[in-house]
Each structure stands twice: as structure tokens, then as C-alpha cells.
N, C-alpha and C. Protein backbone atom coordinates (compact mmCIF):
# COMPACT_ATOMS: atom_id res chain seq x y z
N MET A 1 45.71 58.50 176.01
CA MET A 1 45.60 59.88 175.58
C MET A 1 46.96 60.57 175.62
N ALA A 2 47.66 60.22 176.65
CA ALA A 2 48.98 60.82 176.76
C ALA A 2 49.88 60.33 175.62
N SER A 3 49.60 59.09 175.25
CA SER A 3 50.39 58.57 174.21
C SER A 3 50.30 59.35 172.86
N PRO A 4 49.08 59.66 172.44
CA PRO A 4 49.07 60.37 171.17
C PRO A 4 49.74 61.76 171.34
N CYS A 5 49.57 62.42 172.46
CA CYS A 5 50.24 63.71 172.62
C CYS A 5 51.75 63.51 172.63
N GLY A 6 52.18 62.51 173.40
CA GLY A 6 53.63 62.22 173.50
C GLY A 6 54.18 61.87 172.15
N THR A 7 53.44 61.07 171.43
CA THR A 7 53.92 60.62 170.15
C THR A 7 53.91 61.81 169.21
N SER A 8 52.95 62.62 169.32
CA SER A 8 52.88 63.71 168.45
C SER A 8 53.95 64.73 168.76
N SER A 9 54.30 64.99 170.07
CA SER A 9 55.31 65.88 170.36
C SER A 9 56.68 65.29 170.07
N GLY A 10 56.87 63.98 170.24
CA GLY A 10 58.16 63.30 169.88
C GLY A 10 58.35 63.43 168.36
N SER A 11 57.28 63.18 167.62
CA SER A 11 57.34 63.32 166.15
C SER A 11 57.69 64.66 165.76
N SER A 12 57.06 65.66 166.41
CA SER A 12 57.34 67.05 166.14
C SER A 12 58.69 67.42 166.45
N LEU A 13 59.33 66.95 167.50
CA LEU A 13 60.72 67.21 167.77
C LEU A 13 61.62 66.60 166.73
N LEU A 14 61.30 65.38 166.29
CA LEU A 14 62.01 64.72 165.25
C LEU A 14 61.96 65.57 163.98
N GLN A 15 60.75 66.09 163.64
CA GLN A 15 60.61 66.89 162.48
C GLN A 15 61.42 68.21 162.67
N ASN A 16 61.39 68.84 163.74
CA ASN A 16 62.11 70.04 163.98
C ASN A 16 63.56 69.78 163.87
N SER A 17 64.03 68.69 164.39
CA SER A 17 65.39 68.36 164.32
C SER A 17 65.80 68.15 162.86
N GLY A 18 64.99 67.40 162.10
CA GLY A 18 65.21 67.14 160.71
C GLY A 18 65.16 68.53 159.91
N SER A 19 64.27 69.43 160.29
CA SER A 19 64.14 70.66 159.59
C SER A 19 65.40 71.48 159.86
N LYS A 20 65.91 71.48 161.09
CA LYS A 20 67.04 72.26 161.39
C LYS A 20 68.27 71.76 160.55
N GLN A 21 68.37 70.39 160.48
CA GLN A 21 69.47 69.83 159.64
C GLN A 21 69.28 70.18 158.17
N ASP A 22 68.09 70.11 157.72
CA ASP A 22 67.75 70.48 156.31
C ASP A 22 68.06 71.96 156.11
N LEU A 23 67.60 72.76 157.09
CA LEU A 23 67.82 74.23 156.96
C LEU A 23 69.32 74.46 157.00
N GLN A 24 70.08 73.82 157.82
CA GLN A 24 71.53 74.07 157.89
C GLN A 24 72.16 73.59 156.57
N ALA A 25 71.70 72.54 155.94
CA ALA A 25 72.18 72.05 154.62
C ALA A 25 71.90 73.08 153.57
N VAL A 26 70.67 73.65 153.57
CA VAL A 26 70.29 74.66 152.57
C VAL A 26 71.22 75.88 152.80
N VAL A 27 71.40 76.32 154.04
CA VAL A 27 72.18 77.47 154.31
C VAL A 27 73.66 77.23 153.86
N ASN A 28 74.21 75.97 154.08
CA ASN A 28 75.53 75.68 153.68
C ASN A 28 75.62 75.70 152.13
N GLN A 29 74.57 75.17 151.48
CA GLN A 29 74.58 75.14 150.01
C GLN A 29 74.55 76.56 149.49
N LYS A 30 73.71 77.44 150.09
CA LYS A 30 73.71 78.89 149.66
C LYS A 30 75.02 79.53 149.89
N GLN A 31 75.66 79.23 150.95
CA GLN A 31 76.94 79.84 151.28
C GLN A 31 78.01 79.37 150.23
N LYS A 32 78.02 78.05 149.90
CA LYS A 32 78.86 77.50 148.88
C LYS A 32 78.61 78.18 147.53
N ARG A 33 77.32 78.32 147.20
CA ARG A 33 76.98 78.95 145.93
C ARG A 33 77.44 80.34 145.94
N MET A 34 77.24 81.07 146.96
CA MET A 34 77.66 82.51 147.05
C MET A 34 79.17 82.59 146.90
N THR A 35 79.90 81.72 147.57
CA THR A 35 81.36 81.67 147.50
C THR A 35 81.72 81.37 146.08
N SER A 36 81.13 80.40 145.53
CA SER A 36 81.46 79.94 144.15
C SER A 36 81.16 81.10 143.18
N ASN A 37 80.05 81.79 143.38
CA ASN A 37 79.66 82.94 142.47
C ASN A 37 80.66 84.04 142.66
N ARG A 38 81.07 84.35 143.89
CA ARG A 38 82.05 85.41 144.11
C ARG A 38 83.41 85.04 143.41
N GLU A 39 83.82 83.85 143.58
CA GLU A 39 85.05 83.35 142.93
C GLU A 39 84.96 83.53 141.41
N SER A 40 83.78 83.04 140.86
CA SER A 40 83.58 83.15 139.48
C SER A 40 83.55 84.61 138.97
N ALA A 41 82.91 85.48 139.74
CA ALA A 41 82.88 86.90 139.41
C ALA A 41 84.30 87.49 139.47
N ARG A 42 85.05 87.12 140.46
CA ARG A 42 86.49 87.56 140.54
C ARG A 42 87.30 87.12 139.39
N ARG A 43 87.13 85.84 138.96
CA ARG A 43 87.87 85.36 137.83
C ARG A 43 87.46 86.06 136.55
N SER A 44 86.15 86.35 136.44
CA SER A 44 85.65 87.14 135.27
C SER A 44 86.21 88.50 135.19
N ARG A 45 86.27 89.18 136.35
CA ARG A 45 86.90 90.56 136.40
C ARG A 45 88.37 90.49 136.07
N ILE A 46 89.10 89.47 136.51
CA ILE A 46 90.47 89.30 136.19
C ILE A 46 90.64 89.07 134.68
N ARG A 47 89.81 88.19 134.07
CA ARG A 47 89.86 87.95 132.63
C ARG A 47 89.60 89.23 131.86
N LYS A 48 88.58 89.98 132.28
CA LYS A 48 88.25 91.23 131.63
C LYS A 48 89.38 92.25 131.72
N GLN A 49 89.96 92.32 132.94
CA GLN A 49 91.10 93.26 133.08
C GLN A 49 92.26 92.88 132.20
N LYS A 50 92.61 91.51 132.13
CA LYS A 50 93.70 91.05 131.31
C LYS A 50 93.36 91.38 129.83
N ASN A 51 92.15 91.15 129.36
CA ASN A 51 91.72 91.44 128.01
C ASN A 51 91.86 92.93 127.77
N LEU A 52 91.48 93.80 128.73
CA LEU A 52 91.61 95.26 128.56
C LEU A 52 93.07 95.60 128.45
N ASP A 53 93.92 95.00 129.30
CA ASP A 53 95.38 95.32 129.28
C ASP A 53 95.95 94.90 127.95
N ASP A 54 95.55 93.70 127.40
CA ASP A 54 96.05 93.24 126.15
C ASP A 54 95.66 94.19 124.99
N LEU A 55 94.37 94.65 125.08
CA LEU A 55 93.95 95.54 124.06
C LEU A 55 94.60 96.92 124.15
N THR A 56 94.87 97.34 125.37
CA THR A 56 95.53 98.60 125.53
C THR A 56 96.99 98.47 125.00
N ALA A 57 97.69 97.38 125.30
CA ALA A 57 99.04 97.13 124.76
C ALA A 57 99.02 97.08 123.19
N GLN A 58 98.03 96.42 122.67
CA GLN A 58 97.88 96.34 121.24
C GLN A 58 97.64 97.68 120.57
N LEU A 59 96.82 98.53 121.22
CA LEU A 59 96.54 99.83 120.74
C LEU A 59 97.82 100.68 120.79
N THR A 60 98.61 100.55 121.81
CA THR A 60 99.85 101.24 121.91
C THR A 60 100.84 100.88 120.75
N GLN A 61 100.93 99.59 120.54
CA GLN A 61 101.74 99.02 119.51
C GLN A 61 101.29 99.46 118.09
N LEU A 62 99.98 99.46 117.86
CA LEU A 62 99.48 99.85 116.55
C LEU A 62 99.71 101.37 116.39
N ARG A 63 99.55 102.12 117.41
CA ARG A 63 99.78 103.58 117.31
C ARG A 63 101.24 103.85 116.97
N LYS A 64 102.17 103.09 117.58
CA LYS A 64 103.56 103.24 117.30
C LYS A 64 103.83 102.85 115.90
N GLU A 65 103.33 101.75 115.39
CA GLU A 65 103.57 101.35 113.98
C GLU A 65 103.00 102.39 113.05
N ASN A 66 101.84 102.92 113.39
CA ASN A 66 101.16 103.89 112.52
C ASN A 66 102.06 105.17 112.41
N SER A 67 102.61 105.57 113.57
CA SER A 67 103.49 106.69 113.60
C SER A 67 104.73 106.46 112.76
N GLN A 68 105.31 105.30 112.83
CA GLN A 68 106.43 104.91 112.04
C GLN A 68 106.13 104.96 110.56
N MET A 69 105.00 104.39 110.22
CA MET A 69 104.54 104.36 108.87
C MET A 69 104.34 105.80 108.29
N LEU A 70 103.76 106.69 109.11
CA LEU A 70 103.53 108.03 108.67
C LEU A 70 104.88 108.72 108.47
N THR A 71 105.83 108.49 109.36
CA THR A 71 107.13 109.01 109.19
C THR A 71 107.78 108.54 107.87
N SER A 72 107.70 107.24 107.61
CA SER A 72 108.28 106.68 106.37
C SER A 72 107.58 107.29 105.20
N LEU A 73 106.26 107.38 105.24
CA LEU A 73 105.51 107.98 104.13
C LEU A 73 105.92 109.39 103.84
N THR A 74 106.09 110.16 104.95
CA THR A 74 106.48 111.59 104.75
C THR A 74 107.86 111.67 104.11
N LEU A 75 108.83 110.83 104.62
CA LEU A 75 110.13 110.84 104.02
C LEU A 75 110.10 110.43 102.53
N ALA A 76 109.30 109.38 102.25
CA ALA A 76 109.22 108.96 100.83
C ALA A 76 108.59 110.03 99.95
N THR A 77 107.67 110.70 100.56
CA THR A 77 106.97 111.85 99.70
C THR A 77 107.96 112.97 99.48
N HIS A 78 108.73 113.33 100.49
CA HIS A 78 109.74 114.38 100.26
C HIS A 78 110.80 113.88 99.28
N HIS A 79 111.19 112.63 99.33
CA HIS A 79 112.15 112.10 98.36
C HIS A 79 111.50 112.12 96.99
N TYR A 80 110.23 111.74 96.85
CA TYR A 80 109.62 111.71 95.59
C TYR A 80 109.58 113.10 94.95
N PHE A 81 109.25 114.11 95.80
CA PHE A 81 109.22 115.49 95.26
C PHE A 81 110.58 115.99 94.86
N ALA A 82 111.62 115.63 95.60
CA ALA A 82 112.96 115.98 95.24
C ALA A 82 113.39 115.34 93.93
N VAL A 83 113.10 114.08 93.75
CA VAL A 83 113.36 113.39 92.51
C VAL A 83 112.62 113.96 91.32
N GLU A 84 111.34 114.26 91.52
CA GLU A 84 110.54 114.87 90.53
C GLU A 84 111.10 116.20 90.10
N ALA A 85 111.52 116.96 91.05
CA ALA A 85 112.15 118.25 90.74
C ALA A 85 113.40 118.10 89.93
N ASP A 86 114.26 117.10 90.31
CA ASP A 86 115.46 116.81 89.52
C ASP A 86 115.08 116.36 88.14
N ASN A 87 114.08 115.56 88.00
CA ASN A 87 113.63 115.06 86.63
C ASN A 87 113.18 116.23 85.84
N SER A 88 112.50 117.16 86.41
CA SER A 88 112.04 118.40 85.63
C SER A 88 113.23 119.14 85.13
N VAL A 89 114.20 119.30 85.93
CA VAL A 89 115.42 120.02 85.53
C VAL A 89 116.07 119.24 84.36
N LEU A 90 116.16 117.93 84.51
CA LEU A 90 116.82 117.14 83.50
C LEU A 90 116.07 117.18 82.19
N ARG A 91 114.75 117.15 82.27
CA ARG A 91 113.86 117.24 81.09
C ARG A 91 114.13 118.57 80.37
N ALA A 92 114.17 119.59 81.14
CA ALA A 92 114.47 120.98 80.51
C ALA A 92 115.78 120.94 79.90
N GLN A 93 116.79 120.35 80.49
CA GLN A 93 118.10 120.31 79.94
C GLN A 93 118.22 119.51 78.70
N ILE A 94 117.41 118.44 78.64
CA ILE A 94 117.30 117.60 77.42
C ILE A 94 116.78 118.43 76.29
N VAL A 95 115.73 119.19 76.56
CA VAL A 95 115.09 120.02 75.49
C VAL A 95 116.13 121.05 75.01
N GLU A 96 116.77 121.70 75.96
CA GLU A 96 117.76 122.72 75.56
C GLU A 96 118.92 122.14 74.80
N LEU A 97 119.48 121.01 75.27
CA LEU A 97 120.63 120.44 74.56
C LEU A 97 120.24 119.83 73.22
N SER A 98 119.05 119.32 73.14
CA SER A 98 118.61 118.86 71.90
C SER A 98 118.49 119.93 70.88
N SER A 99 117.97 121.07 71.33
CA SER A 99 117.86 122.18 70.47
C SER A 99 119.26 122.71 70.01
N ARG A 100 120.19 122.76 70.94
CA ARG A 100 121.56 123.16 70.61
C ARG A 100 122.19 122.18 69.69
N LEU A 101 121.98 120.89 69.83
CA LEU A 101 122.57 119.89 68.98
C LEU A 101 121.96 120.03 67.59
N GLN A 102 120.75 120.30 67.49
CA GLN A 102 120.07 120.44 66.16
C GLN A 102 120.60 121.69 65.51
N SER A 103 120.85 122.77 66.28
CA SER A 103 121.42 124.00 65.66
C SER A 103 122.82 123.74 65.21
N LEU A 104 123.58 123.07 65.97
CA LEU A 104 124.98 122.71 65.60
C LEU A 104 125.06 121.82 64.40
N ASP A 105 124.09 120.91 64.36
CA ASP A 105 123.96 119.94 63.19
C ASP A 105 123.64 120.77 61.94
N GLU A 106 122.73 121.72 62.06
CA GLU A 106 122.40 122.54 60.92
C GLU A 106 123.64 123.39 60.45
N ILE A 107 124.41 123.88 61.42
CA ILE A 107 125.64 124.67 61.13
C ILE A 107 126.61 123.79 60.34
N LEU A 108 126.77 122.52 60.83
CA LEU A 108 127.64 121.59 60.15
C LEU A 108 127.21 121.33 58.75
N GLN A 109 125.94 121.16 58.54
CA GLN A 109 125.41 120.91 57.22
C GLN A 109 125.74 122.13 56.34
N CYS A 110 125.54 123.21 56.86
CA CYS A 110 125.88 124.47 56.09
C CYS A 110 127.33 124.60 55.74
N LEU A 111 128.20 124.24 56.74
CA LEU A 111 129.65 124.32 56.50
C LEU A 111 130.12 123.29 55.49
N ASN A 112 129.47 122.10 55.61
CA ASN A 112 129.93 121.07 54.72
C ASN A 112 129.34 121.20 53.34
N GLY A 113 128.15 121.80 53.31
CA GLY A 113 127.55 121.93 52.05
C GLY A 113 127.38 120.54 51.36
N ASN A 114 127.87 120.38 50.11
CA ASN A 114 127.75 119.12 49.44
C ASN A 114 128.87 118.27 49.80
N ASN A 115 129.97 118.79 50.41
CA ASN A 115 131.17 118.03 50.71
C ASN A 115 130.98 117.39 52.12
N PRO A 116 130.83 116.07 52.16
CA PRO A 116 130.59 115.36 53.48
C PRO A 116 131.84 115.31 54.31
N ILE A 117 133.02 115.58 53.72
CA ILE A 117 134.25 115.50 54.51
C ILE A 117 134.83 116.85 54.52
N SER A 118 135.11 117.37 55.80
CA SER A 118 135.65 118.67 55.94
C SER A 118 136.89 118.50 56.87
N ASN A 119 138.07 118.90 56.29
CA ASN A 119 139.35 118.72 57.06
C ASN A 119 139.60 117.25 57.52
N GLY A 120 139.20 116.37 56.72
CA GLY A 120 139.43 114.89 56.97
C GLY A 120 138.46 114.32 58.03
N LEU A 121 137.43 115.02 58.40
CA LEU A 121 136.46 114.52 59.38
C LEU A 121 135.11 114.30 58.70
N SER A 122 134.41 113.28 59.01
CA SER A 122 133.09 113.08 58.53
C SER A 122 132.07 113.86 59.33
N VAL A 123 130.91 114.02 58.77
CA VAL A 123 129.84 114.76 59.46
C VAL A 123 129.48 113.96 60.74
N THR A 124 129.47 112.65 60.70
CA THR A 124 129.11 111.85 61.83
C THR A 124 130.10 111.99 62.90
N ALA A 125 131.47 112.09 62.57
CA ALA A 125 132.48 112.27 63.52
C ALA A 125 132.36 113.63 64.21
N LEU A 126 132.06 114.66 63.33
CA LEU A 126 131.92 116.04 63.84
C LEU A 126 130.73 116.09 64.79
N ARG A 127 129.61 115.45 64.46
CA ARG A 127 128.44 115.41 65.28
C ARG A 127 128.80 114.74 66.61
N SER A 128 129.54 113.66 66.52
CA SER A 128 129.92 112.99 67.76
C SER A 128 130.80 113.83 68.65
N MET A 129 131.70 114.57 68.02
CA MET A 129 132.57 115.41 68.80
C MET A 129 131.77 116.58 69.47
N ILE A 130 130.83 117.11 68.74
CA ILE A 130 129.99 118.24 69.23
C ILE A 130 129.09 117.72 70.40
N ALA A 131 128.55 116.56 70.17
CA ALA A 131 127.66 115.93 71.24
C ALA A 131 128.51 115.65 72.45
N SER A 132 129.70 115.20 72.37
CA SER A 132 130.61 114.98 73.50
C SER A 132 130.92 116.27 74.15
N ALA A 133 131.19 117.34 73.38
CA ALA A 133 131.50 118.59 73.95
C ALA A 133 130.28 119.16 74.71
N ILE A 134 129.10 119.03 74.15
CA ILE A 134 127.93 119.49 74.90
C ILE A 134 127.67 118.70 76.10
N HIS A 135 127.89 117.44 76.07
CA HIS A 135 127.73 116.57 77.22
C HIS A 135 128.71 116.92 78.26
N ALA A 136 129.97 117.16 77.93
CA ALA A 136 130.96 117.58 78.87
C ALA A 136 130.72 118.92 79.54
N THR A 137 130.14 119.86 78.77
CA THR A 137 129.75 121.11 79.39
C THR A 137 128.58 121.04 80.24
N SER A 138 127.68 120.14 79.97
CA SER A 138 126.48 120.05 80.76
C SER A 138 126.78 119.34 82.13
N LEU A 139 127.84 118.57 82.19
CA LEU A 139 128.25 117.97 83.49
C LEU A 139 128.89 118.90 84.44
N THR A 140 129.50 119.95 83.91
CA THR A 140 130.13 120.89 84.79
C THR A 140 129.27 122.00 85.29
């Protein structure tokens, strides 16, 4: 009778001892998993922070480039308007000078009448001289 009780309590001690070892192994595994998870979370936070830093640097660079492009665009726009104003002045001068040339051409035709040569100069030569004179006065 004592045997079964002794056997049973011996077996129970063996089971308790095995359970403690199993329990210690489970606790160790949980601790390893927690440590591993913490390290993984730390690496993930580091990656996210690096990614955020990279995106922030990229944003800064893109803003700088955008500012430079806007400055270039503003300068080009001002230059365009200045050139456009100069072109308008030149177009007006062309109209005025063309009108003067036509008037002078008409005067020459009246002076020459039927005689194409006046004082040894042809109408073409006189036209050329008048055009040169007009051109010279427009440059000053």
C-alpha cells in the first residue's frame, strides 16, 4: 500500500520537476520572443525615422528647386515683356519709316516726271540714298 502512494508521490515529484523545466523553457521562449519583438520594433522605428528624414530632405530639395524655377520663370517673363515692348516700338518705327519712304518715293517720282535720270542719278540710286539717310537717322 505504501508502494503505490510512494510511487505516486515519486511520479508526481518527477512530473512537477518536469513541469518546472517545461515552464522555465516556456518562460525563456517568451522572454526571447519579447526581446526579439522589441528589437524588431526598434529596427522598424529606426527605418521609419530614416524614411521620414529622407522624405524631409527630398521635400527641402524640391522646394529649393521649385523656388529656383519660379525665380527663373519670373526673370524670363520680365525679359519676354521687355523684348515684346522693344518689338512693339520697332514695329511702329517700321510703319512710320515705310510711310516716309513711300512719301519720299512719290516725291522722287514727281521730281523725275518722265525723266528717270535727274542730275546723273537713277531713281533707284536716289531711293537707295534716301533709304540710307532714313536708316541713319533712325539709328541716332
